[in-house]
């Protein structure tokens, strides 16, 4: 679907009103969070997808973690050539 409209001034910003079929077909609602992608050709507006629920929380992932099984005992020496300003 294509529609012709005008970009209008809204305070110090520019705005495009989403009216009629434009608001019902993509199921836009007031106060809906959206993602706007801008490229050379223009912009695209997508509803933000709902956050995916993670399988584990941080406490579950870290449960049972020790210095030994996290390999914290393996300290690496940095060679002087790894620094940008070495002589």
N, C-alpha and C. Protein backbone atom coordinates (compact mmCIF):
# COMPACT_ATOMS: atom_id res chain seq x y z
N UNK A 1 0.85 -1.17 0.00
CA UNK A 1 0.00 0.00 0.00
C UNK A 1 0.89 1.24 0.00
N UNK A 2 0.54 2.20 -0.79
CA UNK A 2 1.25 3.47 -0.81
C UNK A 2 0.24 4.57 -0.51
N UNK A 3 0.70 5.58 0.17
CA UNK A 3 -0.14 6.72 0.46
C UNK A 3 0.71 7.98 0.37
N UNK A 4 0.15 9.05 -0.09
CA UNK A 4 0.85 10.32 -0.18
C UNK A 4 0.43 11.17 1.00
N UNK A 5 1.41 11.75 1.67
CA UNK A 5 1.14 12.60 2.82
C UNK A 5 2.20 13.69 2.86
N UNK A 6 2.14 14.55 3.85
CA UNK A 6 3.08 15.66 3.97
C UNK A 6 3.76 15.59 5.32
N UNK A 7 5.06 15.79 5.32
CA UNK A 7 5.79 15.91 6.59
C UNK A 7 5.46 17.28 7.14
N UNK A 8 5.04 17.32 8.40
CA UNK A 8 4.62 18.58 9.02
C UNK A 8 5.51 18.91 10.21
N UNK A 9 5.52 20.16 10.58
CA UNK A 9 6.28 20.60 11.75
C UNK A 9 5.45 20.33 13.00
N UNK A 10 6.12 19.79 14.03
CA UNK A 10 5.45 19.52 15.30
C UNK A 10 6.40 20.00 16.38
N UNK A 11 6.18 21.20 16.90
CA UNK A 11 7.13 21.80 17.83
C UNK A 11 8.43 22.06 17.09
N UNK A 12 9.53 21.58 17.64
CA UNK A 12 10.83 21.72 16.97
C UNK A 12 11.16 20.51 16.10
N UNK A 13 10.21 19.59 15.95
CA UNK A 13 10.45 18.34 15.23
C UNK A 13 9.64 18.29 13.95
N UNK A 14 9.88 17.25 13.15
CA UNK A 14 9.07 16.96 11.98
C UNK A 14 8.22 15.74 12.30
N UNK A 15 7.03 15.66 11.72
CA UNK A 15 6.13 14.56 12.05
C UNK A 15 5.37 14.10 10.81
N UNK A 16 5.03 12.81 10.81
CA UNK A 16 4.15 12.23 9.80
C UNK A 16 2.98 11.63 10.56
N UNK A 17 1.77 12.01 10.23
CA UNK A 17 0.59 11.44 10.88
C UNK A 17 0.27 10.10 10.26
N UNK A 18 0.03 9.13 11.10
CA UNK A 18 -0.36 7.79 10.63
C UNK A 18 -1.87 7.71 10.82
N UNK A 19 -2.60 7.76 9.69
CA UNK A 19 -4.06 7.84 9.75
C UNK A 19 -4.70 6.70 8.98
N UNK A 20 -6.01 6.59 9.15
CA UNK A 20 -6.82 5.65 8.37
C UNK A 20 -6.24 4.24 8.32
N UNK A 21 -6.16 3.68 7.09
CA UNK A 21 -5.70 2.31 6.94
C UNK A 21 -4.24 2.12 7.36
N UNK A 22 -3.46 3.18 7.35
CA UNK A 22 -2.06 3.06 7.76
C UNK A 22 -1.92 2.65 9.22
N UNK A 23 -2.87 3.05 10.06
CA UNK A 23 -2.75 2.70 11.47
C UNK A 23 -3.39 1.35 11.78
N UNK A 24 -4.29 0.88 10.94
CA UNK A 24 -4.97 -0.38 11.24
C UNK A 24 -4.31 -1.59 10.60
N UNK A 25 -3.75 -1.45 9.42
CA UNK A 25 -3.16 -2.61 8.74
C UNK A 25 -1.93 -3.13 9.50
N UNK A 26 -0.96 -2.27 9.90
CA UNK A 26 0.17 -2.81 10.65
C UNK A 26 -0.11 -2.91 12.15
N UNK A 27 -1.34 -2.65 12.55
CA UNK A 27 -1.76 -2.76 13.95
C UNK A 27 -1.02 -1.79 14.86
N UNK A 28 -0.79 -0.56 14.39
CA UNK A 28 -0.19 0.45 15.24
C UNK A 28 -1.22 0.96 16.23
N UNK A 29 -0.77 1.26 17.43
CA UNK A 29 -1.65 1.85 18.44
C UNK A 29 -0.92 3.01 19.09
N UNK A 30 -1.66 3.85 19.78
CA UNK A 30 -1.05 4.99 20.47
C UNK A 30 -0.07 4.49 21.52
N UNK A 31 1.03 5.19 21.67
CA UNK A 31 2.09 4.89 22.65
C UNK A 31 2.80 3.56 22.40
N UNK A 32 2.67 3.01 21.20
CA UNK A 32 3.31 1.75 20.86
C UNK A 32 4.78 1.99 20.56
N UNK A 33 5.70 1.25 21.19
CA UNK A 33 7.12 1.42 20.86
C UNK A 33 7.41 0.88 19.47
N UNK A 34 8.16 1.65 18.69
CA UNK A 34 8.50 1.24 17.33
C UNK A 34 10.00 1.41 17.10
N UNK A 35 10.48 0.75 16.07
CA UNK A 35 11.86 0.90 15.63
C UNK A 35 11.81 1.56 14.27
N UNK A 36 12.62 2.60 14.10
CA UNK A 36 12.67 3.31 12.82
C UNK A 36 14.03 3.07 12.20
N UNK A 37 14.03 2.50 11.02
CA UNK A 37 15.27 2.23 10.29
C UNK A 37 15.40 3.28 9.20
N UNK A 38 16.52 3.96 9.18
CA UNK A 38 16.76 5.03 8.20
C UNK A 38 17.86 4.58 7.25
N UNK A 39 17.62 4.77 5.95
CA UNK A 39 18.64 4.47 4.95
C UNK A 39 18.58 5.51 3.85
N UNK A 40 19.35 5.33 2.81
CA UNK A 40 19.41 6.32 1.73
C UNK A 40 18.06 6.53 1.05
N UNK A 41 17.23 5.52 1.00
CA UNK A 41 15.95 5.60 0.30
C UNK A 41 14.84 6.20 1.14
N UNK A 42 14.99 6.23 2.44
CA UNK A 42 13.95 6.76 3.30
C UNK A 42 13.96 6.10 4.66
N UNK A 43 12.79 5.83 5.20
CA UNK A 43 12.72 5.19 6.50
C UNK A 43 11.65 4.12 6.53
N UNK A 44 11.84 3.17 7.43
CA UNK A 44 10.90 2.08 7.62
C UNK A 44 10.56 2.02 9.10
N UNK A 45 9.29 1.84 9.42
CA UNK A 45 8.84 1.79 10.81
C UNK A 45 8.31 0.39 11.09
N UNK A 46 8.83 -0.23 12.14
CA UNK A 46 8.40 -1.57 12.56
C UNK A 46 8.00 -1.53 14.02
N UNK A 47 6.93 -2.23 14.40
CA UNK A 47 6.65 -2.37 15.82
C UNK A 47 7.81 -3.11 16.48
N UNK A 48 8.18 -2.69 17.68
CA UNK A 48 9.24 -3.40 18.39
C UNK A 48 8.73 -4.77 18.79
N UNK A 49 9.55 -5.77 18.56
CA UNK A 49 9.13 -7.11 18.96
C UNK A 49 9.23 -7.23 20.46
N UNK A 50 8.39 -8.05 21.02
CA UNK A 50 8.40 -8.26 22.46
C UNK A 50 9.71 -8.93 22.85
N UNK A 51 10.18 -8.58 24.04
CA UNK A 51 11.43 -9.17 24.51
C UNK A 51 11.25 -10.67 24.67
N UNK A 52 12.26 -11.39 24.22
CA UNK A 52 12.22 -12.83 24.40
C UNK A 52 12.62 -13.16 25.83
N UNK A 53 11.92 -14.07 26.42
CA UNK A 53 12.25 -14.49 27.77
C UNK A 53 13.47 -15.41 27.67
N UNK A 54 14.49 -15.11 28.46
CA UNK A 54 15.70 -15.91 28.45
C UNK A 54 15.46 -17.22 29.19
N UNK A 55 16.16 -18.25 28.78
CA UNK A 55 16.01 -19.56 29.41
C UNK A 55 16.57 -19.58 30.82
N UNK A 56 17.61 -18.79 31.07
CA UNK A 56 18.26 -18.77 32.37
C UNK A 56 18.47 -17.33 32.81
N UNK A 57 18.43 -17.10 34.12
CA UNK A 57 18.78 -15.77 34.61
C UNK A 57 20.24 -15.78 35.05
N UNK A 58 20.77 -14.64 35.40
CA UNK A 58 22.19 -14.53 35.75
C UNK A 58 22.56 -15.41 36.93
N UNK A 59 21.72 -15.44 37.95
CA UNK A 59 22.01 -16.26 39.14
C UNK A 59 22.11 -17.74 38.78
N UNK A 60 21.25 -18.21 37.88
CA UNK A 60 21.29 -19.62 37.49
C UNK A 60 22.55 -19.94 36.70
N UNK A 61 22.99 -19.01 35.87
CA UNK A 61 24.19 -19.23 35.07
C UNK A 61 25.44 -19.27 35.96
N UNK A 62 25.48 -18.40 36.97
CA UNK A 62 26.66 -18.31 37.83
C UNK A 62 26.66 -19.33 38.97
N UNK A 63 25.55 -20.00 39.17
CA UNK A 63 25.46 -20.98 40.24
C UNK A 63 26.52 -22.07 40.04
N UNK A 64 27.30 -22.32 41.08
CA UNK A 64 28.32 -23.35 41.02
C UNK A 64 29.63 -22.92 40.38
N UNK A 65 29.71 -21.66 39.95
CA UNK A 65 30.93 -21.17 39.32
C UNK A 65 31.96 -20.88 40.40
N UNK A 66 33.14 -21.42 40.23
CA UNK A 66 34.24 -21.18 41.18
C UNK A 66 35.43 -20.64 40.40
N UNK A 67 36.44 -20.18 41.13
CA UNK A 67 37.65 -19.68 40.48
C UNK A 67 38.31 -20.79 39.67
N UNK A 68 38.20 -22.01 40.17
CA UNK A 68 38.83 -23.14 39.47
C UNK A 68 38.12 -23.48 38.17
N UNK A 69 36.78 -23.65 38.21
CA UNK A 69 36.10 -24.04 36.97
C UNK A 69 35.89 -22.86 36.02
N UNK A 70 36.14 -21.63 36.50
CA UNK A 70 36.09 -20.46 35.62
C UNK A 70 37.46 -20.15 35.04
N UNK A 71 38.46 -20.94 35.46
CA UNK A 71 39.84 -20.80 35.00
C UNK A 71 40.42 -19.44 35.35
N UNK A 72 40.02 -18.89 36.51
CA UNK A 72 40.57 -17.61 36.97
C UNK A 72 42.04 -17.74 37.34
N UNK A 73 42.50 -18.97 37.52
CA UNK A 73 43.90 -19.19 37.89
C UNK A 73 44.85 -19.07 36.70
N UNK A 74 44.30 -19.00 35.51
CA UNK A 74 45.12 -18.89 34.30
C UNK A 74 45.29 -17.43 33.92
N UNK A 75 46.32 -16.82 34.46
CA UNK A 75 46.59 -15.41 34.19
C UNK A 75 47.57 -15.33 33.04
N UNK A 76 47.29 -14.49 32.09
CA UNK A 76 48.10 -14.37 30.89
C UNK A 76 48.99 -13.14 31.01
N UNK A 77 50.26 -13.30 30.63
CA UNK A 77 51.16 -12.15 30.56
C UNK A 77 50.98 -11.48 29.21
N UNK A 78 50.87 -10.16 29.23
CA UNK A 78 50.72 -9.41 27.99
C UNK A 78 52.10 -9.05 27.48
N UNK A 79 52.37 -9.34 26.25
CA UNK A 79 53.65 -9.03 25.63
C UNK A 79 53.68 -7.54 25.28
N UNK A 80 54.83 -6.90 25.45
CA UNK A 80 54.91 -5.45 25.22
C UNK A 80 54.52 -5.08 23.79
N UNK A 81 54.66 -5.96 22.83
CA UNK A 81 54.31 -5.65 21.44
C UNK A 81 52.80 -5.58 21.22
N UNK A 82 52.02 -6.02 22.20
CA UNK A 82 50.56 -5.97 22.08
C UNK A 82 50.01 -4.58 22.37
N UNK A 83 50.84 -3.70 22.92
CA UNK A 83 50.41 -2.34 23.18
C UNK A 83 50.66 -1.48 21.94
N UNK A 84 49.80 -0.52 21.70
CA UNK A 84 49.92 0.33 20.51
C UNK A 84 51.21 1.14 20.49
N UNK A 85 51.57 1.70 21.60
CA UNK A 85 52.70 2.64 21.64
C UNK A 85 54.00 1.97 22.08
N UNK A 86 54.24 0.76 21.63
CA UNK A 86 55.50 0.12 22.01
C UNK A 86 56.64 0.67 21.15
N UNK A 87 57.83 0.66 21.71
CA UNK A 87 59.00 1.18 20.96
C UNK A 87 59.81 0.05 20.39
